[in-house]
Amino acid sequence: MAKVTMAKSHLMGLVGDEDTCTAFLLGGIGELNNAREPNFLVVKKDTTIGEIETNLKKLLARKDIGIVLINQHIANDVRHIIEAHTAAIPAILEIPSKEHPYDSAKDSILRRAKGMFSVEDMR
């Protein structure tokens, strides 16, 4: 009998404003790991950049996280961490928020992906 192996599933991590986190948590992404650490950070007006940096680093170091979503206006404050992250998993995706539209010119991951392909590859 052949042995079937299942791929290990990964969670989504989230660093976002209150509206974004509420929407994703209502969608069911909220989880706690064995150490009772959540896979999200709600960034409020009084959240310091240091707290954002610490929590983002924790999410990027977790083995159960496959993708980290981060509001682009928050990503701008921790851009140095995002640009230093080179691992494929977890992937970091910058997303818009209700108050701040997406600006592809500021997305360092998109710039990195564009640099991987030439115009000839797209023909």
N, C-alpha and C. Protein backbone atom coordinates (compact mmCIF):
# COMPACT_ATOMS: atom_id res chain seq x y z
N MET A 1 0.85 -1.17 0.00
CA MET A 1 0.00 0.00 0.00
C MET A 1 0.89 1.24 0.00
N ALA A 2 0.60 2.18 -0.85
CA ALA A 2 1.38 3.41 -0.97
C ALA A 2 1.09 4.33 0.21
N LYS A 3 2.13 4.95 0.70
CA LYS A 3 1.96 5.89 1.81
C LYS A 3 1.68 7.28 1.24
N VAL A 4 0.63 7.89 1.71
CA VAL A 4 0.25 9.22 1.26
C VAL A 4 0.74 10.23 2.28
N THR A 5 1.45 11.24 1.81
CA THR A 5 1.90 12.29 2.71
C THR A 5 1.16 13.57 2.39
N MET A 6 0.80 14.27 3.40
CA MET A 6 0.08 15.52 3.24
C MET A 6 1.05 16.68 3.41
N ALA A 7 0.86 17.70 2.61
CA ALA A 7 1.66 18.90 2.77
C ALA A 7 1.23 19.61 4.04
N LYS A 8 2.18 20.12 4.76
CA LYS A 8 1.86 20.85 5.99
C LYS A 8 1.25 22.19 5.63
N SER A 9 0.16 22.50 6.26
CA SER A 9 -0.48 23.79 5.98
C SER A 9 0.17 24.89 6.80
N HIS A 10 0.06 26.09 6.29
CA HIS A 10 0.62 27.25 6.96
C HIS A 10 -0.48 28.26 7.21
N LEU A 11 -0.27 29.08 8.20
CA LEU A 11 -1.20 30.14 8.54
C LEU A 11 -0.82 31.43 7.83
N MET A 12 -1.77 32.35 7.80
CA MET A 12 -1.48 33.71 7.36
C MET A 12 -1.17 34.53 8.59
N GLY A 13 -0.20 35.41 8.48
CA GLY A 13 0.06 36.40 9.51
C GLY A 13 -0.46 37.73 9.01
N LEU A 14 -0.76 38.62 9.92
CA LEU A 14 -1.33 39.91 9.52
C LEU A 14 -0.84 41.02 10.44
N VAL A 15 -0.38 42.10 9.84
CA VAL A 15 -0.05 43.33 10.55
C VAL A 15 -0.86 44.41 9.85
N GLY A 16 -1.87 44.92 10.56
CA GLY A 16 -2.74 45.86 9.89
C GLY A 16 -3.46 46.79 10.83
N ASP A 17 -4.15 47.74 10.23
CA ASP A 17 -4.96 48.66 11.02
C ASP A 17 -6.21 47.93 11.51
N GLU A 18 -7.00 48.62 12.33
CA GLU A 18 -8.16 47.97 12.96
C GLU A 18 -9.16 47.44 11.94
N ASP A 19 -9.46 48.21 10.90
CA ASP A 19 -10.43 47.77 9.90
C ASP A 19 -9.95 46.54 9.15
N THR A 20 -8.70 46.54 8.75
CA THR A 20 -8.14 45.41 8.01
C THR A 20 -8.13 44.15 8.87
N CYS A 21 -7.66 44.27 10.10
CA CYS A 21 -7.61 43.11 11.00
C CYS A 21 -9.01 42.58 11.29
N THR A 22 -9.96 43.48 11.51
CA THR A 22 -11.33 43.05 11.76
C THR A 22 -11.86 42.22 10.59
N ALA A 23 -11.65 42.72 9.37
CA ALA A 23 -12.13 42.01 8.18
C ALA A 23 -11.50 40.62 8.07
N PHE A 24 -10.19 40.54 8.22
CA PHE A 24 -9.52 39.24 8.09
C PHE A 24 -9.86 38.31 9.25
N LEU A 25 -10.00 38.84 10.45
CA LEU A 25 -10.37 37.99 11.58
C LEU A 25 -11.80 37.45 11.43
N LEU A 26 -12.70 38.28 10.90
CA LEU A 26 -14.04 37.79 10.62
C LEU A 26 -14.03 36.72 9.53
N GLY A 27 -13.03 36.80 8.66
CA GLY A 27 -12.85 35.79 7.62
C GLY A 27 -12.23 34.50 8.14
N GLY A 28 -11.76 34.51 9.38
CA GLY A 28 -11.30 33.27 10.01
C GLY A 28 -9.82 33.04 10.08
N ILE A 29 -8.98 34.06 9.90
CA ILE A 29 -7.54 33.79 9.92
C ILE A 29 -6.92 33.82 11.31
N GLY A 30 -7.65 34.26 12.31
CA GLY A 30 -7.08 34.40 13.65
C GLY A 30 -6.74 33.07 14.29
N GLU A 31 -5.52 32.92 14.75
CA GLU A 31 -5.05 31.69 15.41
C GLU A 31 -4.08 32.05 16.52
N LEU A 32 -3.95 31.14 17.48
CA LEU A 32 -2.92 31.22 18.51
C LEU A 32 -2.04 29.99 18.36
N ASN A 33 -0.72 30.16 18.48
CA ASN A 33 0.15 29.00 18.43
C ASN A 33 0.24 28.35 19.82
N ASN A 34 1.08 27.35 19.96
CA ASN A 34 1.19 26.64 21.24
C ASN A 34 1.65 27.54 22.38
N ALA A 35 2.38 28.61 22.04
CA ALA A 35 2.84 29.56 23.05
C ALA A 35 1.79 30.66 23.28
N ARG A 36 0.59 30.49 22.71
CA ARG A 36 -0.52 31.43 22.86
C ARG A 36 -0.21 32.80 22.25
N GLU A 37 0.60 32.80 21.19
CA GLU A 37 0.92 34.04 20.47
C GLU A 37 0.00 34.14 19.26
N PRO A 38 -0.66 35.28 19.07
CA PRO A 38 -1.55 35.42 17.92
C PRO A 38 -0.77 35.59 16.62
N ASN A 39 -1.43 35.32 15.51
CA ASN A 39 -0.80 35.47 14.20
C ASN A 39 -1.14 36.81 13.57
N PHE A 40 -1.49 37.78 14.40
CA PHE A 40 -1.84 39.11 13.88
C PHE A 40 -1.46 40.19 14.89
N LEU A 41 -1.32 41.41 14.37
CA LEU A 41 -1.09 42.58 15.20
C LEU A 41 -2.00 43.69 14.71
N VAL A 42 -2.83 44.20 15.60
CA VAL A 42 -3.67 45.34 15.28
C VAL A 42 -2.88 46.60 15.59
N VAL A 43 -2.58 47.38 14.56
CA VAL A 43 -1.80 48.60 14.73
C VAL A 43 -2.76 49.76 14.94
N LYS A 44 -2.65 50.37 16.11
CA LYS A 44 -3.48 51.52 16.45
C LYS A 44 -2.63 52.78 16.43
N LYS A 45 -3.24 53.90 16.69
CA LYS A 45 -2.50 55.18 16.66
C LYS A 45 -1.38 55.22 17.70
N ASP A 46 -1.57 54.53 18.83
CA ASP A 46 -0.56 54.56 19.88
C ASP A 46 0.44 53.40 19.81
N THR A 47 0.36 52.56 18.76
CA THR A 47 1.32 51.47 18.58
C THR A 47 2.64 52.05 18.09
N THR A 48 3.72 51.72 18.77
CA THR A 48 5.02 52.26 18.40
C THR A 48 5.63 51.47 17.24
N ILE A 49 6.55 52.10 16.54
CA ILE A 49 7.26 51.41 15.46
C ILE A 49 8.05 50.23 16.02
N GLY A 50 8.58 50.38 17.21
CA GLY A 50 9.30 49.28 17.86
C GLY A 50 8.42 48.06 18.07
N GLU A 51 7.17 48.27 18.48
CA GLU A 51 6.23 47.16 18.65
C GLU A 51 5.92 46.50 17.31
N ILE A 52 5.76 47.30 16.28
CA ILE A 52 5.50 46.75 14.95
C ILE A 52 6.70 45.93 14.48
N GLU A 53 7.90 46.46 14.65
CA GLU A 53 9.11 45.74 14.24
C GLU A 53 9.23 44.41 14.99
N THR A 54 9.04 44.44 16.29
CA THR A 54 9.16 43.22 17.11
C THR A 54 8.16 42.17 16.67
N ASN A 55 6.90 42.57 16.49
CA ASN A 55 5.88 41.61 16.10
C ASN A 55 6.07 41.09 14.68
N LEU A 56 6.50 41.95 13.76
CA LEU A 56 6.76 41.49 12.41
C LEU A 56 7.90 40.48 12.40
N LYS A 57 8.96 40.75 13.14
CA LYS A 57 10.08 39.79 13.22
C LYS A 57 9.63 38.46 13.79
N LYS A 58 8.76 38.50 14.81
CA LYS A 58 8.23 37.25 15.38
C LYS A 58 7.42 36.47 14.35
N LEU A 59 6.58 37.17 13.59
CA LEU A 59 5.79 36.49 12.56
C LEU A 59 6.69 35.87 11.49
N LEU A 60 7.73 36.59 11.09
CA LEU A 60 8.63 36.09 10.05
C LEU A 60 9.46 34.91 10.53
N ALA A 61 9.65 34.79 11.84
CA ALA A 61 10.45 33.70 12.39
C ALA A 61 9.61 32.44 12.67
N ARG A 62 8.31 32.59 12.69
CA ARG A 62 7.45 31.44 13.01
C ARG A 62 7.40 30.45 11.84
N LYS A 63 7.50 29.17 12.16
CA LYS A 63 7.50 28.11 11.14
C LYS A 63 6.09 27.79 10.65
N ASP A 64 5.06 28.22 11.40
CA ASP A 64 3.69 27.92 11.01
C ASP A 64 3.04 29.01 10.16
N ILE A 65 3.79 30.06 9.86
CA ILE A 65 3.28 31.18 9.05
C ILE A 65 3.82 31.04 7.62
N GLY A 66 2.92 31.08 6.63
CA GLY A 66 3.32 30.96 5.23
C GLY A 66 3.31 32.29 4.49
N ILE A 67 2.41 33.18 4.88
CA ILE A 67 2.27 34.49 4.25
C ILE A 67 2.02 35.52 5.33
N VAL A 68 2.68 36.64 5.24
CA VAL A 68 2.42 37.76 6.14
C VAL A 68 1.83 38.89 5.31
N LEU A 69 0.61 39.28 5.63
CA LEU A 69 -0.03 40.42 4.99
C LEU A 69 0.23 41.65 5.85
N ILE A 70 0.56 42.76 5.22
CA ILE A 70 0.83 43.97 5.97
C ILE A 70 0.28 45.16 5.18
N ASN A 71 -0.43 46.03 5.87
CA ASN A 71 -0.91 47.24 5.20
C ASN A 71 0.30 48.03 4.71
N GLN A 72 0.18 48.56 3.49
CA GLN A 72 1.32 49.24 2.89
C GLN A 72 1.77 50.47 3.69
N HIS A 73 0.83 51.21 4.25
CA HIS A 73 1.24 52.39 5.01
C HIS A 73 1.98 52.00 6.29
N ILE A 74 1.73 50.82 6.81
CA ILE A 74 2.48 50.32 7.96
C ILE A 74 3.83 49.77 7.49
N ALA A 75 3.83 49.12 6.34
CA ALA A 75 5.07 48.58 5.78
C ALA A 75 6.10 49.68 5.53
N ASN A 76 5.62 50.86 5.19
CA ASN A 76 6.55 51.98 4.97
C ASN A 76 7.36 52.30 6.21
N ASP A 77 6.78 52.06 7.40
CA ASP A 77 7.47 52.34 8.66
C ASP A 77 8.52 51.28 9.01
N VAL A 78 8.37 50.08 8.46
CA VAL A 78 9.30 48.98 8.76
C VAL A 78 9.92 48.44 7.47
N ARG A 79 10.10 49.31 6.51
CA ARG A 79 10.61 48.92 5.18
C ARG A 79 11.95 48.20 5.27
N HIS A 80 12.80 48.60 6.21
CA HIS A 80 14.12 47.97 6.33
C HIS A 80 14.01 46.49 6.67
N ILE A 81 13.03 46.10 7.44
CA ILE A 81 12.83 44.68 7.78
C ILE A 81 12.33 43.92 6.56
N ILE A 82 11.39 44.52 5.85
CA ILE A 82 10.81 43.88 4.67
C ILE A 82 11.87 43.68 3.60
N GLU A 83 12.70 44.68 3.36
CA GLU A 83 13.73 44.57 2.33
C GLU A 83 14.83 43.60 2.73
N ALA A 84 15.06 43.42 4.03
CA ALA A 84 16.08 42.48 4.49
C ALA A 84 15.58 41.03 4.45
N HIS A 85 14.28 40.84 4.38
CA HIS A 85 13.69 39.49 4.37
C HIS A 85 13.85 38.89 2.97
N THR A 86 14.58 37.80 2.87
CA THR A 86 14.84 37.18 1.56
C THR A 86 14.26 35.78 1.43
N ALA A 87 13.74 35.22 2.49
CA ALA A 87 13.19 33.87 2.43
C ALA A 87 11.89 33.86 1.62
N ALA A 88 11.65 32.75 0.93
CA ALA A 88 10.42 32.62 0.15
C ALA A 88 9.21 32.42 1.06
N ILE A 89 9.42 31.72 2.15
CA ILE A 89 8.34 31.46 3.12
C ILE A 89 8.84 31.90 4.47
N PRO A 90 8.12 32.76 5.16
CA PRO A 90 6.86 33.34 4.73
C PRO A 90 7.06 34.47 3.73
N ALA A 91 6.14 34.52 2.78
CA ALA A 91 6.13 35.61 1.81
C ALA A 91 5.48 36.82 2.47
N ILE A 92 5.91 38.00 2.09
CA ILE A 92 5.31 39.24 2.61
C ILE A 92 4.54 39.90 1.47
N LEU A 93 3.28 40.18 1.72
CA LEU A 93 2.45 40.86 0.74
C LEU A 93 1.92 42.15 1.32
N GLU A 94 2.16 43.23 0.61
CA GLU A 94 1.66 44.54 1.05
C GLU A 94 0.27 44.74 0.46
N ILE A 95 -0.66 45.15 1.31
CA ILE A 95 -2.05 45.32 0.89
C ILE A 95 -2.53 46.73 1.23
N PRO A 96 -3.53 47.21 0.51
CA PRO A 96 -4.07 48.54 0.82
C PRO A 96 -4.96 48.50 2.05
N SER A 97 -5.28 49.64 2.55
CA SER A 97 -6.27 49.74 3.63
C SER A 97 -7.38 50.67 3.17
N LYS A 98 -8.39 50.77 3.97
CA LYS A 98 -9.53 51.62 3.61
C LYS A 98 -9.11 53.08 3.47
N GLU A 99 -8.21 53.53 4.31
CA GLU A 99 -7.78 54.93 4.34
C GLU A 99 -6.60 55.23 3.41
N HIS A 100 -5.82 54.20 3.07
CA HIS A 100 -4.59 54.41 2.29
C HIS A 100 -4.60 53.49 1.08
N PRO A 101 -4.71 54.03 -0.14
CA PRO A 101 -4.71 53.18 -1.34
C PRO A 101 -3.33 52.56 -1.58
N TYR A 102 -3.33 51.51 -2.36
CA TYR A 102 -2.10 50.80 -2.71
C TYR A 102 -1.29 51.63 -3.71
N ASP A 103 0.02 51.70 -3.50
CA ASP A 103 0.93 52.39 -4.41
C ASP A 103 2.02 51.40 -4.82
N SER A 104 1.94 50.90 -6.04
CA SER A 104 2.90 49.87 -6.48
C SER A 104 4.34 50.38 -6.51
N ALA A 105 4.53 51.69 -6.61
CA ALA A 105 5.88 52.25 -6.62
C ALA A 105 6.58 52.06 -5.28
N LYS A 106 5.82 51.92 -4.20
CA LYS A 106 6.41 51.77 -2.87
C LYS A 106 6.60 50.31 -2.46
N ASP A 107 6.07 49.37 -3.23
CA ASP A 107 6.10 47.95 -2.87
C ASP A 107 7.43 47.34 -3.26
N SER A 108 8.31 47.11 -2.28
CA SER A 108 9.65 46.60 -2.57
C SER A 108 9.61 45.15 -3.06
N ILE A 109 8.65 44.38 -2.63
CA ILE A 109 8.54 42.99 -3.08
C ILE A 109 8.16 42.95 -4.57
N LEU A 110 7.23 43.81 -4.97
CA LEU A 110 6.84 43.90 -6.37
C LEU A 110 8.02 44.35 -7.23
N ARG A 111 8.78 45.33 -6.74
CA ARG A 111 9.97 45.78 -7.48
C ARG A 111 10.97 44.63 -7.64
N ARG A 112 11.13 43.85 -6.59
CA ARG A 112 12.05 42.70 -6.65
C ARG A 112 11.57 41.68 -7.68
N ALA A 113 10.26 41.43 -7.69
CA ALA A 113 9.70 40.47 -8.65
C ALA A 113 9.84 40.97 -10.08
N LYS A 114 9.61 42.26 -10.29
CA LYS A 114 9.76 42.82 -11.63
C LYS A 114 11.19 42.69 -12.12
N GLY A 115 12.15 42.79 -11.22
CA GLY A 115 13.56 42.68 -11.60
C GLY A 115 13.96 41.28 -12.01
N MET A 116 13.13 40.29 -11.69
CA MET A 116 13.44 38.91 -12.04
C MET A 116 13.12 38.59 -13.49
N PHE A 117 12.28 39.41 -14.12
CA PHE A 117 11.83 39.14 -15.48
C PHE A 117 12.20 40.28 -16.40
N SER A 118 12.47 39.96 -17.62
CA SER A 118 12.73 40.99 -18.62
C SER A 118 11.49 41.15 -19.50
N VAL A 119 11.48 42.17 -20.30
CA VAL A 119 10.36 42.39 -21.22
C VAL A 119 10.21 41.21 -22.17
N GLU A 120 11.34 40.61 -22.54
CA GLU A 120 11.32 39.47 -23.46
C GLU A 120 10.58 38.28 -22.86
N ASP A 121 10.64 38.11 -21.54
CA ASP A 121 9.96 36.99 -20.87
C ASP A 121 8.45 37.10 -20.99
N MET A 122 7.95 38.31 -21.14
CA MET A 122 6.50 38.54 -21.15
C MET A 122 5.89 38.38 -22.55
N ARG A 123 6.70 38.15 -23.55
CA ARG A 123 6.18 38.02 -24.94
C ARG A 123 5.81 36.62 -25.26
